[in-house]
C-alpha atoms as a PDB file:
ATOM      1  CA  PHE A   1     115.849  50.339 198.514  1.00  0.00           C
ATOM      2  CA  MET A   2     113.474  52.652 197.216  1.00  0.00           C
ATOM      3  CA  VAL A   3     109.607  52.253 197.214  1.00  0.00           C
ATOM      4  CA  THR A   4     106.951  54.002 195.062  1.00  0.00           C
ATOM      5  CA  LEU A   5     103.377  54.105 194.538  1.00  0.00           C
ATOM      6  CA  ASP A   6     103.303  55.875 191.177  1.00  0.00           C
ATOM      7  CA  PRO A   7     101.401  53.436 188.890  1.00  0.00           C
ATOM      8  CA  SER A   8     103.560  54.509 186.022  1.00  0.00           C
ATOM      9  CA  VAL A   9     106.655  53.061 187.272  1.00  0.00           C
ATOM     10  CA  GLN A  10     105.203  50.197 188.968  1.00  0.00           C
ATOM     11  CA  ASN A  11     106.504  46.676 187.776  1.00  0.00           C
ATOM     12  CA  GLN A  12     109.482  48.255 186.089  1.00  0.00           C
ATOM     13  CA  LYS A  13     112.939  47.582 187.196  1.00  0.00           C
ATOM     14  CA  ALA A  14     115.550  50.414 187.980  1.00  0.00           C
ATOM     15  CA  LYS A  15     118.000  49.341 185.168  1.00  0.00           C
ATOM     16  CA  GLU A  16     115.140  49.360 182.629  1.00  0.00           C
ATOM     17  CA  MET A  17     113.973  52.777 183.594  1.00  0.00           C
ATOM     18  CA  LYS A  18     117.569  54.119 183.360  1.00  0.00           C
ATOM     19  CA  LEU A  19     118.257  52.737 179.899  1.00  0.00           C
ATOM     20  CA  GLU A  20     114.867  53.942 178.839  1.00  0.00           C
ATOM     21  CA  LYS A  21     115.745  57.529 180.043  1.00  0.00           C
ATOM     22  CA  GLU A  22     119.086  57.158 178.338  1.00  0.00           C
ATOM     23  CA  ALA A  23     117.435  56.025 174.944  1.00  0.00           C
ATOM     24  CA  ASP A  24     115.044  59.022 175.373  1.00  0.00           C
ATOM     25  CA  LYS A  25     118.149  61.627 175.728  1.00  0.00           C
ATOM     26  CA  ARG A  26     119.755  60.318 172.780  1.00  0.00           C
ATOM     27  CA  LYS A  27     116.670  60.310 170.407  1.00  0.00           C
ATOM     28  CA  GLU A  28     116.005  63.997 171.631  1.00  0.00           C
ATOM     29  CA  ARG A  29     119.649  64.896 170.705  1.00  0.00           C
ATOM     30  CA  LEU A  30     119.237  63.155 167.449  1.00  0.00           C
ATOM     31  CA  SER A  31     116.023  65.083 166.648  1.00  0.00           C
ATOM     32  CA  ASN A  32     117.476  68.377 167.719  1.00  0.00           C
ATOM     33  CA  LYS A  33     120.381  67.952 164.814  1.00  0.00           C
ATOM     34  CA  PHE A  34     118.517  66.308 162.337  1.00  0.00           C
ATOM     35  CA  ASP A  35     114.463  66.457 161.838  1.00  0.00           C
ATOM     36  CA  GLU A  36     112.469  63.064 161.597  1.00  0.00           C
ATOM     37  CA  ASP A  37     111.791  63.973 157.785  1.00  0.00           C
ATOM     38  CA  PHE A  38     115.432  63.955 156.940  1.00  0.00           C
ATOM     39  CA  ILE A  39     116.286  60.876 158.879  1.00  0.00           C
ATOM     40  CA  ARG A  40     113.520  59.197 156.879  1.00  0.00           C
ATOM     41  CA  THR A  41     115.187  60.411 153.678  1.00  0.00           C
ATOM     42  CA  LEU A  42     118.388  58.422 154.834  1.00  0.00           C
ATOM     43  CA  ILE A  43     116.461  55.018 155.038  1.00  0.00           C
ATOM     44  CA  GLY A  44     117.942  52.623 152.767  1.00  0.00           C
ATOM     45  CA  ASN A  45     120.794  54.595 151.399  1.00  0.00           C
ATOM     46  CA  GLU A  46     124.432  53.399 151.920  1.00  0.00           C
ATOM     47  CA  TYR A  47     127.398  55.394 153.113  1.00  0.00           C
ATOM     48  CA  GLU A  48     130.647  54.868 154.137  1.00  0.00           C
ATOM     49  CA  GLY A  49     131.426  55.035 157.858  1.00  0.00           C
ATOM     50  CA  ILE A  50     133.814  54.316 160.686  1.00  0.00           C
ATOM     51  CA  VAL A  51     133.979  52.011 163.275  1.00  0.00           C
ATOM     52  CA  LYS A  52     134.107  53.827 166.656  1.00  0.00           C
ATOM     53  CA  ALA A  53     133.730  50.607 168.876  1.00  0.00           C
ATOM     54  CA  LYS A  54     132.583  47.056 168.964  1.00  0.00           C
ATOM     55  CA  SER A  55     129.787  45.619 171.357  1.00  0.00           C
ATOM     56  CA  LYS A  56     131.145  43.548 174.297  1.00  0.00           C
ATOM     57  CA  THR A  57     129.382  40.814 172.730  1.00  0.00           C
ATOM     58  CA  GLY A  58     130.517  41.200 169.535  1.00  0.00           C
ATOM     59  CA  ASP A  59     127.717  41.201 167.242  1.00  0.00           C
ATOM     60  CA  TRP A  60     127.218  44.844 166.858  1.00  0.00           C
ATOM     61  CA  TYR A  61     129.338  48.025 166.369  1.00  0.00           C
ATOM     62  CA  TYR A  62     129.246  51.751 167.061  1.00  0.00           C
ATOM     63  CA  VAL A  63     129.648  53.424 163.461  1.00  0.00           C
ATOM     64  CA  GLN A  64     129.671  56.657 162.543  1.00  0.00           C
ATOM     65  CA  PRO A  65     128.365  57.221 158.947  1.00  0.00           C
ATOM     66  CA  CYS A  66     129.843  59.878 156.541  1.00  0.00           C
ATOM     67  CA  VAL A  67     127.378  61.467 154.171  1.00  0.00           C
ATOM     68  CA  GLU A  68     129.098  63.326 151.095  1.00  0.00           C
ATOM     69  CA  GLY A  69     126.558  66.111 150.089  1.00  0.00           C
ATOM     70  CA  GLU A  70     126.871  68.146 146.877  1.00  0.00           C
ATOM     71  CA  ARG A  71     128.936  71.179 148.642  1.00  0.00           C
ATOM     72  CA  GLU A  72     130.489  69.195 151.490  1.00  0.00           C
ATOM     73  CA  ALA A  73     130.813  66.008 153.597  1.00  0.00           C
ATOM     74  CA  TYR A  74     129.262  65.690 156.889  1.00  0.00           C
ATOM     75  CA  SER A  75     129.122  63.045 159.631  1.00  0.00           C
ATOM     76  CA  LEU A  76     125.988  61.415 161.234  1.00  0.00           C
ATOM     77  CA  PRO A  77     125.780  60.735 164.841  1.00  0.00           C
ATOM     78  CA  VAL A  78     127.190  57.543 165.764  1.00  0.00           C
ATOM     79  CA  GLY A  79     124.665  54.743 165.687  1.00  0.00           C
ATOM     80  CA  VAL A  80     124.284  50.705 166.312  1.00  0.00           C
ATOM     81  CA  ALA A  81     125.419  48.786 163.277  1.00  0.00           C
ATOM     82  CA  LYS A  82     124.452  45.214 163.162  1.00  0.00           C
ATOM     83  CA  LEU A  83     126.161  42.497 160.819  1.00  0.00           C
ATOM     84  CA  GLU A  84     124.481  41.594 157.550  1.00  0.00           C
ATOM     85  CA  SER A  85     125.550  38.261 157.707  1.00  0.00           C
ATOM     86  CA  ASP A  86     127.295  35.881 160.806  1.00  0.00           C
ATOM     87  CA  GLU A  87     130.288  35.381 158.405  1.00  0.00           C
ATOM     88  CA  GLU A  88     131.457  39.111 159.429  1.00  0.00           C
ATOM     89  CA  HIS A  89     131.451  38.384 163.006  1.00  0.00           C
ATOM     90  CA  GLY A  90     134.672  39.643 164.537  1.00  0.00           C
ATOM     91  CA  LEU A  91     136.214  41.322 161.343  1.00  0.00           C
ATOM     92  CA  TYR A  92     136.189  44.889 162.283  1.00  0.00           C
ATOM     93  CA  SER A  93     137.910  47.181 165.075  1.00  0.00           C
ATOM     94  CA  ALA A  94     138.031  50.755 165.982  1.00  0.00           C
ATOM     95  CA  GLY A  95     139.190  53.141 163.282  1.00  0.00           C
ATOM     96  CA  ASP A  96     137.894  50.547 160.254  1.00  0.00           C
ATOM     97  CA  ARG A  97     136.270  52.173 157.501  1.00  0.00           C
ATOM     98  CA  VAL A  98     133.246  50.312 156.357  1.00  0.00           C
ATOM     99  CA  ARG A  99     129.937  50.502 154.263  1.00  0.00           C
ATOM    100  CA  VAL A 100     126.594  50.709 156.159  1.00  0.00           C
ATOM    101  CA  ARG A 101     123.056  51.146 155.364  1.00  0.00           C
ATOM    102  CA  VAL A 102     120.533  53.275 157.140  1.00  0.00           C
ATOM    103  CA  GLU A 103     117.838  51.274 158.614  1.00  0.00           C
ATOM    104  CA  GLY A 104     115.893  53.983 160.644  1.00  0.00           C
ATOM    105  CA  ILE A 105     116.123  54.696 164.380  1.00  0.00           C
ATOM    106  CA  ASP A 106     116.815  52.003 167.081  1.00  0.00           C
ATOM    107  CA  GLU A 107     114.078  52.994 169.414  1.00  0.00           C
ATOM    108  CA  LYS A 108     115.699  50.801 172.159  1.00  0.00           C
ATOM    109  CA  ARG A 109     118.980  52.723 172.062  1.00  0.00           C
ATOM    110  CA  GLY A 110     117.803  55.986 170.742  1.00  0.00           C
ATOM    111  CA  GLN A 111     120.390  55.917 168.000  1.00  0.00           C
ATOM    112  CA  LEU A 112     120.651  55.331 164.216  1.00  0.00           C
ATOM    113  CA  ALA A 113     119.913  51.644 163.356  1.00  0.00           C
ATOM    114  CA  LEU A 114     122.558  50.743 160.731  1.00  0.00           C
ATOM    115  CA  THR A 115     123.615  47.438 158.832  1.00  0.00           C
ATOM    116  CA  LEU A 116     127.155  46.678 158.094  1.00  0.00           C
ATOM    117  CA  ILE A 117     127.152  45.542 154.416  1.00  0.00           C
END
């Protein structure tokens, strides 16, 4: 049990603060690897990706997009991919190759925001 008088954390739950701190860490790592302008150039583009894991609820996946450049192919950090339609629910498992569209950065999780297409 802990009590604080710091007004910046009053009315916040410890779990929410921990999740926010983890998201900030992920965003910082993402920005260290790729600058914000580069990520903006990816938004709206579609890429092949590999499913890394399925969420416990089953309505989104962790997917690592692969970008084919002019000289070489490279992988982007794992992002959170939501299903484009409810019909696809439960179709994918770890290791499956999928097509994703980059939507930006999921601020809540601090990771790339993707859509499975």
